[in-house]
C-alpha atoms as a PDB file:
ATOM      1  CA  MET A   1      51.890 263.065  95.904  1.00  0.00           C
ATOM      2  CA  ARG A   2      54.097 261.756  93.138  1.00  0.00           C
ATOM      3  CA  SER A   3      52.765 258.188  93.135  1.00  0.00           C
ATOM      4  CA  LEU A   4      49.829 256.374  94.716  1.00  0.00           C
ATOM      5  CA  SER A   5      48.885 252.761  95.381  1.00  0.00           C
ATOM      6  CA  ILE A   6      45.169 252.252  96.028  1.00  0.00           C
ATOM      7  CA  VAL A   7      44.541 249.003  97.914  1.00  0.00           C
ATOM      8  CA  LEU A   8      41.079 247.422  97.713  1.00  0.00           C
ATOM      9  CA  PRO A   9      40.570 244.309  99.862  1.00  0.00           C
ATOM     10  CA  ALA A  10      37.459 242.511  98.637  1.00  0.00           C
ATOM     11  CA  ARG A  11      35.418 239.455  99.512  1.00  0.00           C
ATOM     12  CA  ASN A  12      32.290 238.598  97.514  1.00  0.00           C
ATOM     13  CA  GLU A  13      32.022 242.092  96.006  1.00  0.00           C
ATOM     14  CA  ALA A  14      31.126 241.054  92.451  1.00  0.00           C
ATOM     15  CA  SER A  15      28.311 243.626  92.356  1.00  0.00           C
ATOM     16  CA  ASN A  16      30.582 246.531  93.318  1.00  0.00           C
ATOM     17  CA  ILE A  17      34.181 245.771  92.408  1.00  0.00           C
ATOM     18  CA  ALA A  18      34.185 246.989  88.786  1.00  0.00           C
ATOM     19  CA  ARG A  19      32.841 250.402  89.798  1.00  0.00           C
ATOM     20  CA  ALA A  20      35.255 250.553  92.732  1.00  0.00           C
ATOM     21  CA  VAL A  21      38.215 249.874  90.434  1.00  0.00           C
ATOM     22  CA  GLY A  22      36.948 252.473  87.960  1.00  0.00           C
ATOM     23  CA  ALA A  23      36.623 255.098  90.698  1.00  0.00           C
ATOM     24  CA  ALA A  24      40.160 254.318  91.906  1.00  0.00           C
ATOM     25  CA  LEU A  25      41.597 254.686  88.393  1.00  0.00           C
ATOM     26  CA  ASP A  26      39.757 257.997  88.024  1.00  0.00           C
ATOM     27  CA  GLU A  27      41.534 259.326  91.114  1.00  0.00           C
ATOM     28  CA  ILE A  28      44.932 258.398  89.704  1.00  0.00           C
ATOM     29  CA  ASP A  29      44.077 259.977  86.355  1.00  0.00           C
ATOM     30  CA  ARG A  30      42.752 263.119  88.050  1.00  0.00           C
ATOM     31  CA  ARG A  31      46.189 263.709  89.570  1.00  0.00           C
ATOM     32  CA  SER A  32      48.230 262.772  86.508  1.00  0.00           C
ATOM     33  CA  ILE A  33      50.602 260.748  88.670  1.00  0.00           C
ATOM     34  CA  LEU A  34      52.067 257.279  88.650  1.00  0.00           C
ATOM     35  CA  GLY A  35      49.629 254.915  90.272  1.00  0.00           C
ATOM     36  CA  GLU A  36      48.272 251.435  90.638  1.00  0.00           C
ATOM     37  CA  VAL A  37      45.137 249.739  91.939  1.00  0.00           C
ATOM     38  CA  ILE A  38      45.672 246.547  93.896  1.00  0.00           C
ATOM     39  CA  VAL A  39      42.614 244.359  94.442  1.00  0.00           C
ATOM     40  CA  VAL A  40      43.105 241.595  96.994  1.00  0.00           C
ATOM     41  CA  ASP A  41      40.441 238.917  96.594  1.00  0.00           C
ATOM     42  CA  ASP A  42      40.087 237.286 100.008  1.00  0.00           C
ATOM     43  CA  GLY A  43      38.619 233.924  99.093  1.00  0.00           C
ATOM     44  CA  SER A  44      35.544 235.168  97.234  1.00  0.00           C
ATOM     45  CA  VAL A  45      33.083 232.525  96.065  1.00  0.00           C
ATOM     46  CA  ASP A  46      31.500 234.805  93.449  1.00  0.00           C
ATOM     47  CA  SER A  47      33.036 236.496  90.399  1.00  0.00           C
ATOM     48  CA  THR A  48      34.864 239.248  92.286  1.00  0.00           C
ATOM     49  CA  ARG A  49      38.250 238.345  90.813  1.00  0.00           C
ATOM     50  CA  GLU A  50      37.018 238.241  87.223  1.00  0.00           C
ATOM     51  CA  ARG A  51      35.057 241.482  87.484  1.00  0.00           C
ATOM     52  CA  ALA A  52      38.003 243.270  89.108  1.00  0.00           C
ATOM     53  CA  ALA A  53      40.018 242.697  85.948  1.00  0.00           C
ATOM     54  CA  LEU A  54      37.310 243.837  83.500  1.00  0.00           C
ATOM     55  CA  SER A  55      38.884 247.231  82.879  1.00  0.00           C
ATOM     56  CA  GLY A  56      41.896 245.649  81.202  1.00  0.00           C
ATOM     57  CA  ASP A  57      43.986 248.524  82.569  1.00  0.00           C
ATOM     58  CA  ARG A  58      47.608 247.501  83.162  1.00  0.00           C
ATOM     59  CA  ARG A  59      47.663 249.575  86.343  1.00  0.00           C
ATOM     60  CA  VAL A  60      45.184 247.163  87.956  1.00  0.00           C
ATOM     61  CA  ARG A  61      46.600 244.102  89.682  1.00  0.00           C
ATOM     62  CA  VAL A  62      44.362 241.435  91.149  1.00  0.00           C
ATOM     63  CA  CYS A  63      45.798 239.185  93.851  1.00  0.00           C
ATOM     64  CA  SER A  64      43.977 236.164  95.212  1.00  0.00           C
ATOM     65  CA  GLN A  65      44.348 234.333  98.488  1.00  0.00           C
ATOM     66  CA  ALA A  66      42.418 231.866 100.582  1.00  0.00           C
ATOM     67  CA  ALA A  67      39.852 233.421 102.909  1.00  0.00           C
ATOM     68  CA  ARG A  68      42.215 234.588 105.649  1.00  0.00           C
ATOM     69  CA  GLY A  69      40.434 237.756 106.748  1.00  0.00           C
ATOM     70  CA  TYR A  70      40.265 241.506 106.205  1.00  0.00           C
ATOM     71  CA  GLY A  71      43.583 242.256 107.860  1.00  0.00           C
ATOM     72  CA  ALA A  72      45.424 239.620 105.849  1.00  0.00           C
ATOM     73  CA  ALA A  73      43.975 241.043 102.625  1.00  0.00           C
ATOM     74  CA  LEU A  74      44.870 244.586 103.642  1.00  0.00           C
ATOM     75  CA  LEU A  75      48.479 243.717 104.465  1.00  0.00           C
ATOM     76  CA  ARG A  76      48.802 241.598 101.320  1.00  0.00           C
ATOM     77  CA  GLY A  77      47.911 244.709  99.346  1.00  0.00           C
ATOM     78  CA  VAL A  78      50.493 246.730 101.258  1.00  0.00           C
ATOM     79  CA  ARG A  79      53.184 244.165 100.477  1.00  0.00           C
ATOM     80  CA  GLU A  80      52.246 244.182  96.787  1.00  0.00           C
ATOM     81  CA  SER A  81      52.267 247.984  96.539  1.00  0.00           C
ATOM     82  CA  ARG A  82      55.113 249.961  94.953  1.00  0.00           C
ATOM     83  CA  CYS A  83      54.226 253.660  95.278  1.00  0.00           C
ATOM     84  CA  GLU A  84      55.280 256.284  97.810  1.00  0.00           C
ATOM     85  CA  HIS A  85      51.758 256.788  99.191  1.00  0.00           C
ATOM     86  CA  LEU A  86      49.221 254.069  99.996  1.00  0.00           C
ATOM     87  CA  PHE A  87      45.492 254.668 100.143  1.00  0.00           C
ATOM     88  CA  LEU A  88      43.620 251.872 101.921  1.00  0.00           C
ATOM     89  CA  THR A  89      39.893 251.724 101.313  1.00  0.00           C
ATOM     90  CA  ASP A  90      37.120 249.203 100.700  1.00  0.00           C
ATOM     91  CA  ALA A  91      35.466 247.941  97.529  1.00  0.00           C
ATOM     92  CA  ASP A  92      31.882 248.345  98.771  1.00  0.00           C
ATOM     93  CA  LEU A  93      31.313 251.835  97.283  1.00  0.00           C
ATOM     94  CA  GLN A  94      30.458 253.376 100.648  1.00  0.00           C
ATOM     95  CA  PHE A  95      32.933 256.214 100.133  1.00  0.00           C
ATOM     96  CA  ASP A  96      33.285 258.848  97.442  1.00  0.00           C
ATOM     97  CA  LEU A  97      36.915 258.442  96.416  1.00  0.00           C
ATOM     98  CA  ARG A  98      36.965 262.032  95.176  1.00  0.00           C
ATOM     99  CA  GLU A  99      37.167 262.985  98.844  1.00  0.00           C
ATOM    100  CA  LEU A 100      40.699 261.591  98.848  1.00  0.00           C
ATOM    101  CA  SER A 101      41.649 265.198  98.074  1.00  0.00           C
ATOM    102  CA  ARG A 102      40.618 266.095 101.646  1.00  0.00           C
ATOM    103  CA  LEU A 103      43.241 263.704 102.972  1.00  0.00           C
ATOM    104  CA  GLU A 104      45.816 264.729 100.390  1.00  0.00           C
ATOM    105  CA  GLU A 105      45.739 268.313 101.698  1.00  0.00           C
ATOM    106  CA  HIS A 106      47.492 267.109 104.867  1.00  0.00           C
ATOM    107  CA  CYS A 107      49.848 264.436 103.573  1.00  0.00           C
ATOM    108  CA  ALA A 108      52.851 266.782 103.411  1.00  0.00           C
ATOM    109  CA  ASP A 109      52.630 267.435 107.161  1.00  0.00           C
ATOM    110  CA  TYR A 110      51.447 264.069 108.478  1.00  0.00           C
ATOM    111  CA  GLU A 111      52.632 260.543 107.788  1.00  0.00           C
ATOM    112  CA  ILE A 112      49.082 259.231 108.206  1.00  0.00           C
ATOM    113  CA  VAL A 113      45.812 260.934 107.292  1.00  0.00           C
ATOM    114  CA  VAL A 114      42.624 259.087 108.207  1.00  0.00           C
ATOM    115  CA  GLY A 115      38.997 259.796 107.509  1.00  0.00           C
ATOM    116  CA  TYR A 116      36.205 259.553 110.010  1.00  0.00           C
ATOM    117  CA  ARG A 117      32.619 259.036 108.971  1.00  0.00           C
ATOM    118  CA  ALA A 118      30.838 262.322 109.648  1.00  0.00           C
ATOM    119  CA  ALA A 119      27.494 260.493 109.537  1.00  0.00           C
ATOM    120  CA  ARG A 120      27.612 256.723 109.305  1.00  0.00           C
ATOM    121  CA  ALA A 121      25.187 255.315 106.705  1.00  0.00           C
ATOM    122  CA  ASP A 122      24.754 251.864 108.248  1.00  0.00           C
ATOM    123  CA  PRO A 123      21.918 250.081 110.046  1.00  0.00           C
ATOM    124  CA  VAL A 124      21.455 250.951 113.722  1.00  0.00           C
ATOM    125  CA  TYR A 125      22.898 247.672 115.007  1.00  0.00           C
ATOM    126  CA  ARG A 126      26.112 248.246 113.023  1.00  0.00           C
ATOM    127  CA  ARG A 127      26.423 251.790 114.325  1.00  0.00           C
ATOM    128  CA  VAL A 128      25.971 250.537 117.896  1.00  0.00           C
ATOM    129  CA  ASN A 129      28.518 247.743 117.407  1.00  0.00           C
ATOM    130  CA  GLY A 130      30.944 250.211 115.867  1.00  0.00           C
ATOM    131  CA  TRP A 131      30.499 252.713 118.691  1.00  0.00           C
ATOM    132  CA  VAL A 132      31.181 250.099 121.362  1.00  0.00           C
ATOM    133  CA  TRP A 133      34.249 248.838 119.499  1.00  0.00           C
ATOM    134  CA  ASN A 134      35.579 252.347 118.984  1.00  0.00           C
ATOM    135  CA  VAL A 135      35.105 253.253 122.645  1.00  0.00           C
ATOM    136  CA  VAL A 136      36.821 250.131 123.950  1.00  0.00           C
ATOM    137  CA  VAL A 137      39.765 250.282 121.544  1.00  0.00           C
ATOM    138  CA  ASN A 138      40.327 253.991 122.109  1.00  0.00           C
ATOM    139  CA  ALA A 139      39.957 253.748 125.868  1.00  0.00           C
ATOM    140  CA  THR A 140      42.215 250.728 126.203  1.00  0.00           C
ATOM    141  CA  LEU A 141      44.968 251.942 123.886  1.00  0.00           C
ATOM    142  CA  GLN A 142      44.374 255.682 124.480  1.00  0.00           C
ATOM    143  CA  LEU A 143      44.403 256.360 120.759  1.00  0.00           C
ATOM    144  CA  GLN A 144      41.828 259.181 120.649  1.00  0.00           C
ATOM    145  CA  VAL A 145      41.039 258.293 117.031  1.00  0.00           C
ATOM    146  CA  ARG A 146      37.453 259.202 116.188  1.00  0.00           C
ATOM    147  CA  ASP A 147      36.777 256.265 113.862  1.00  0.00           C
ATOM    148  CA  VAL A 148      39.401 253.527 114.070  1.00  0.00           C
ATOM    149  CA  ASP A 149      37.725 251.331 111.459  1.00  0.00           C
ATOM    150  CA  CYS A 150      36.943 253.966 108.838  1.00  0.00           C
ATOM    151  CA  ALA A 151      38.225 252.464 105.577  1.00  0.00           C
ATOM    152  CA  PHE A 152      39.577 255.724 104.228  1.00  0.00           C
ATOM    153  CA  LYS A 153      43.245 255.988 105.200  1.00  0.00           C
ATOM    154  CA  LEU A 154      46.273 257.519 103.478  1.00  0.00           C
ATOM    155  CA  PHE A 155      49.791 256.459 104.500  1.00  0.00           C
ATOM    156  CA  ARG A 156      53.293 257.310 103.507  1.00  0.00           C
ATOM    157  CA  ARG A 157      55.183 254.166 102.552  1.00  0.00           C
ATOM    158  CA  GLU A 158      57.703 254.813 105.322  1.00  0.00           C
ATOM    159  CA  VAL A 159      55.062 253.914 107.920  1.00  0.00           C
ATOM    160  CA  PHE A 160      54.810 250.303 106.781  1.00  0.00           C
ATOM    161  CA  GLU A 161      58.530 250.071 106.115  1.00  0.00           C
ATOM    162  CA  ALA A 162      59.101 250.996 109.762  1.00  0.00           C
ATOM    163  CA  LEU A 163      56.404 248.703 111.149  1.00  0.00           C
ATOM    164  CA  GLY A 164      57.302 245.648 109.062  1.00  0.00           C
ATOM    165  CA  ASP A 165      54.870 243.223 107.479  1.00  0.00           C
ATOM    166  CA  THR A 166      54.851 240.309 109.916  1.00  0.00           C
ATOM    167  CA  GLY A 167      52.979 239.589 113.123  1.00  0.00           C
ATOM    168  CA  TRP A 168      49.792 241.381 112.118  1.00  0.00           C
ATOM    169  CA  SER A 169      46.286 240.220 112.958  1.00  0.00           C
ATOM    170  CA  ASP A 170      44.501 238.580 110.024  1.00  0.00           C
ATOM    171  CA  GLY A 171      41.038 239.789 111.008  1.00  0.00           C
ATOM    172  CA  ALA A 172      39.295 243.157 111.217  1.00  0.00           C
ATOM    173  CA  PHE A 173      41.323 244.273 114.245  1.00  0.00           C
ATOM    174  CA  ALA A 174      44.244 244.942 111.873  1.00  0.00           C
ATOM    175  CA  SER A 175      42.726 248.323 110.992  1.00  0.00           C
ATOM    176  CA  SER A 176      43.035 249.451 114.614  1.00  0.00           C
ATOM    177  CA  GLU A 177      46.331 247.647 115.089  1.00  0.00           C
ATOM    178  CA  ILE A 178      47.981 249.619 112.292  1.00  0.00           C
ATOM    179  CA  LEU A 179      47.134 252.891 114.025  1.00  0.00           C
ATOM    180  CA  ALA A 180      48.208 251.641 117.452  1.00  0.00           C
ATOM    181  CA  ARG A 181      51.584 250.473 116.181  1.00  0.00           C
ATOM    182  CA  ALA A 182      52.105 253.591 114.112  1.00  0.00           C
ATOM    183  CA  LEU A 183      51.458 255.871 117.071  1.00  0.00           C
ATOM    184  CA  GLN A 184      53.786 253.808 119.226  1.00  0.00           C
ATOM    185  CA  ALA A 185      56.460 254.277 116.551  1.00  0.00           C
ATOM    186  CA  GLY A 186      55.997 258.052 116.707  1.00  0.00           C
ATOM    187  CA  PHE A 187      54.124 258.728 113.474  1.00  0.00           C
ATOM    188  CA  ARG A 188      51.660 261.612 113.325  1.00  0.00           C
ATOM    189  CA  ILE A 189      47.979 261.316 112.400  1.00  0.00           C
ATOM    190  CA  GLN A 190      45.588 263.877 110.965  1.00  0.00           C
ATOM    191  CA  GLN A 191      41.856 263.128 111.064  1.00  0.00           C
ATOM    192  CA  VAL A 192      39.457 264.453 108.431  1.00  0.00           C
ATOM    193  CA  PRO A 193      35.656 264.057 108.120  1.00  0.00           C
ATOM    194  CA  VAL A 194      34.460 262.151 105.062  1.00  0.00           C
ATOM    195  CA  THR A 195      31.082 261.234 103.623  1.00  0.00           C
ATOM    196  CA  HIS A 196      29.736 257.727 104.223  1.00  0.00           C
ATOM    197  CA  LEU A 197      27.263 256.310 101.703  1.00  0.00           C
ATOM    198  CA  PRO A 198      24.773 253.431 101.912  1.00  0.00           C
ATOM    199  CA  ARG A 199      26.075 250.168 100.506  1.00  0.00           C
ATOM    200  CA  PRO A 200      24.532 249.876  97.014  1.00  0.00           C
ATOM    201  CA  ALA A 201      24.707 246.079  96.736  1.00  0.00           C
ATOM    202  CA  GLY A 202      26.024 242.978  98.441  1.00  0.00           C
ATOM    203  CA  ARG A 203      26.326 242.054 102.098  1.00  0.00           C
ATOM    204  CA  ALA A 204      28.722 243.664 104.553  1.00  0.00           C
ATOM    205  CA  SER A 205      31.118 241.029 105.886  1.00  0.00           C
ATOM    206  CA  GLY A 206      31.836 243.254 108.881  1.00  0.00           C
ATOM    207  CA  ALA A 207      28.343 242.458 110.168  1.00  0.00           C
ATOM    208  CA  ASP A 208      29.128 238.726 110.379  1.00  0.00           C
ATOM    209  CA  PRO A 209      29.206 237.619 114.054  1.00  0.00           C
ATOM    210  CA  ARG A 210      32.242 235.468 113.263  1.00  0.00           C
ATOM    211  CA  VAL A 211      34.131 238.511 111.969  1.00  0.00           C
ATOM    212  CA  ILE A 212      33.143 240.538 115.026  1.00  0.00           C
ATOM    213  CA  GLY A 213      34.109 237.750 117.419  1.00  0.00           C
ATOM    214  CA  ARG A 214      37.445 237.255 115.696  1.00  0.00           C
ATOM    215  CA  ALA A 215      38.207 240.976 116.008  1.00  0.00           C
ATOM    216  CA  TRP A 216      37.655 240.855 119.768  1.00  0.00           C
ATOM    217  CA  VAL A 217      39.832 237.757 120.076  1.00  0.00           C
ATOM    218  CA  ASP A 218      42.610 239.376 118.033  1.00  0.00           C
ATOM    219  CA  PHE A 219      42.339 242.515 120.166  1.00  0.00           C
ATOM    220  CA  GLY A 220      42.815 240.447 123.318  1.00  0.00           C
ATOM    221  CA  ARG A 221      45.766 238.624 121.817  1.00  0.00           C
ATOM    222  CA  PHE A 222      47.349 241.919 120.809  1.00  0.00           C
ATOM    223  CA  LEU A 223      47.132 243.188 124.379  1.00  0.00           C
ATOM    224  CA  SER A 224      48.554 239.974 125.812  1.00  0.00           C
ATOM    225  CA  ARG A 225      51.395 239.398 123.379  1.00  0.00           C
ATOM    226  CA  SER A 226      52.446 242.954 122.589  1.00  0.00           C
ATOM    227  CA  PRO A 227      52.267 245.106 125.736  1.00  0.00           C
ATOM    228  CA  HIS A 228      55.424 246.934 124.605  1.00  0.00           C
ATOM    229  CA  GLN A 229      53.655 248.061 121.428  1.00  0.00           C
ATOM    230  CA  VAL A 230      51.032 250.141 123.176  1.00  0.00           C
ATOM    231  CA  ALA A 231      51.716 253.362 124.976  1.00  0.00           C
ATOM    232  CA  VAL A 232      49.977 252.530 128.236  1.00  0.00           C
ATOM    233  CA  THR A 233      48.518 249.641 130.141  1.00  0.00           C
ATOM    234  CA  PRO A 234      44.763 249.145 129.571  1.00  0.00           C
ATOM    235  CA  ALA A 235      42.988 252.198 130.977  1.00  0.00           C
ATOM    236  CA  PRO A 236      39.651 252.300 132.852  1.00  0.00           C
ATOM    237  CA  LEU A 237      36.921 252.759 130.273  1.00  0.00           C
ATOM    238  CA  ILE A 238      34.644 255.135 132.168  1.00  0.00           C
ATOM    239  CA  SER A 239      37.383 257.679 132.793  1.00  0.00           C
ATOM    240  CA  ARG A 240      38.139 257.848 129.079  1.00  0.00           C
ATOM    241  CA  LEU A 241      34.644 258.215 127.623  1.00  0.00           C
ATOM    242  CA  THR A 242      34.373 261.999 127.875  1.00  0.00           C
ATOM    243  CA  ALA A 243      37.659 262.550 126.044  1.00  0.00           C
ATOM    244  CA  LEU A 244      37.015 260.330 123.053  1.00  0.00           C
ATOM    245  CA  TRP A 245      34.999 262.601 120.793  1.00  0.00           C
ATOM    246  CA  PRO A 246      36.573 266.078 120.616  1.00  0.00           C
ATOM    247  CA  GLN A 247      34.462 268.332 118.392  1.00  0.00           C
ATOM    248  CA  GLU A 248      36.947 271.168 118.030  1.00  0.00           C
ATOM    249  CA  ARG A 249      40.250 270.116 119.515  1.00  0.00           C
ATOM    250  CA  SER A 250      43.519 271.191 117.965  1.00  0.00           C
ATOM    251  CA  THR A 251      46.526 269.053 118.844  1.00  0.00           C
ATOM    252  CA  ILE A 252      46.089 265.959 120.974  1.00  0.00           C
ATOM    253  CA  GLY A 253      49.386 264.614 122.276  1.00  0.00           C
ATOM    254  CA  ARG A 254      50.119 261.299 123.946  1.00  0.00           C
ATOM    255  CA  VAL A 255      53.006 260.648 126.279  1.00  0.00           C
ATOM    256  CA  ARG A 256      55.017 257.537 127.034  1.00  0.00           C
ATOM    257  CA  ARG A 257      55.408 256.424 130.604  1.00  0.00           C
ATOM    258  CA  ASP A 258      58.987 257.740 130.458  1.00  0.00           C
ATOM    259  CA  SER A 259      57.460 261.190 129.679  1.00  0.00           C
ATOM    260  CA  THR A 260      58.905 261.542 126.179  1.00  0.00           C
ATOM    261  CA  THR A 261      56.500 262.690 123.486  1.00  0.00           C
ATOM    262  CA  LEU A 262      54.992 259.746 121.654  1.00  0.00           C
ATOM    263  CA  ALA A 263      52.942 261.086 118.773  1.00  0.00           C
ATOM    264  CA  THR A 264      50.414 263.672 117.725  1.00  0.00           C
ATOM    265  CA  ILE A 265      46.843 263.233 116.565  1.00  0.00           C
ATOM    266  CA  ASN A 266      45.140 266.189 114.982  1.00  0.00           C
ATOM    267  CA  VAL A 267      41.435 266.595 114.275  1.00  0.00           C
ATOM    268  CA  ALA A 268      40.324 268.724 111.345  1.00  0.00           C
ATOM    269  CA  LYS A 269      37.067 270.642 111.555  1.00  0.00           C
ATOM    270  CA  PRO A 270      34.255 269.375 109.306  1.00  0.00           C
ATOM    271  CA  PRO A 271      33.659 271.426 106.142  1.00  0.00           C
ATOM    272  CA  MET A 272      30.604 273.629 105.855  1.00  0.00           C
ATOM    273  CA  PRO A 273      27.643 271.647 104.507  1.00  0.00           C
ATOM    274  CA  SER A 274      26.996 272.040 100.806  1.00  0.00           C
ATOM    275  CA  THR A 275      23.595 272.734  99.309  1.00  0.00           C
ATOM    276  CA  ALA A 276      24.549 271.002  96.081  1.00  0.00           C
ATOM    277  CA  ALA A 277      23.330 267.503  95.326  1.00  0.00           C
ATOM    278  CA  PRO A 278      25.857 264.806  96.335  1.00  0.00           C
ATOM    279  CA  PRO A 279      28.023 263.513  93.484  1.00  0.00           C
ATOM    280  CA  VAL A 280      27.238 260.102  92.039  1.00  0.00           C
ATOM    281  CA  LEU A 281      30.052 257.758  91.167  1.00  0.00           C
ATOM    282  CA  ALA A 282      30.053 256.666  87.565  1.00  0.00           C
END
């Protein structure tokens, strides 16, 4: 990578945002490349905006907007970005940004490299909700993406230039919608296991019933208004369940109804477990 924009959507993350920005700057410095960190404050009622700017680093830009939703914040960050690669992640410190190198290994061969949480460090009810969501989205859109909502995604700029920046869902469904549209446009995806950490502070907005309900509504609207943007009509769920979680599958192709190749999703094998103590973000 020659340049990197790290996008951090944030809502009420005053306890975590300064460390998240610091970790993002460390990744840019580690590579000695041009880079920027874009924090999008989605209507926070705490001091998220002020704490995001504490570093005083000119590479950090903080954008504010009314509380429109996760997807709106994510796409605002994309529009504000200027680098050739975009890394979309969260400000809740549940990922070790040093594992970006795992994604970077594949960025020369794939337009999109996404992480999947090898072991999700969330309460049981969140893991159950996430599993149901992942099954339904994958089965309906036939994505075969192991973890559609994992906030650890690396994109080439050309993906968003091709998809445009209008008509996106404002809520949490946008994370899945980006992948669905990208696959429909023919972009390739590589999937890589990443470590998921317990949230150190604050409350996860993704657990809010209003956020969950809005995601389902946006999903339904996407299916109704954009049938041409998905590869197939909604598929029966039961018939898809056994194919959703390949442990060691090489290339997974999808085909349009006119039988032309649509896109490729690849799944990387997890790394061997390490006996060393897990790194701690500064």
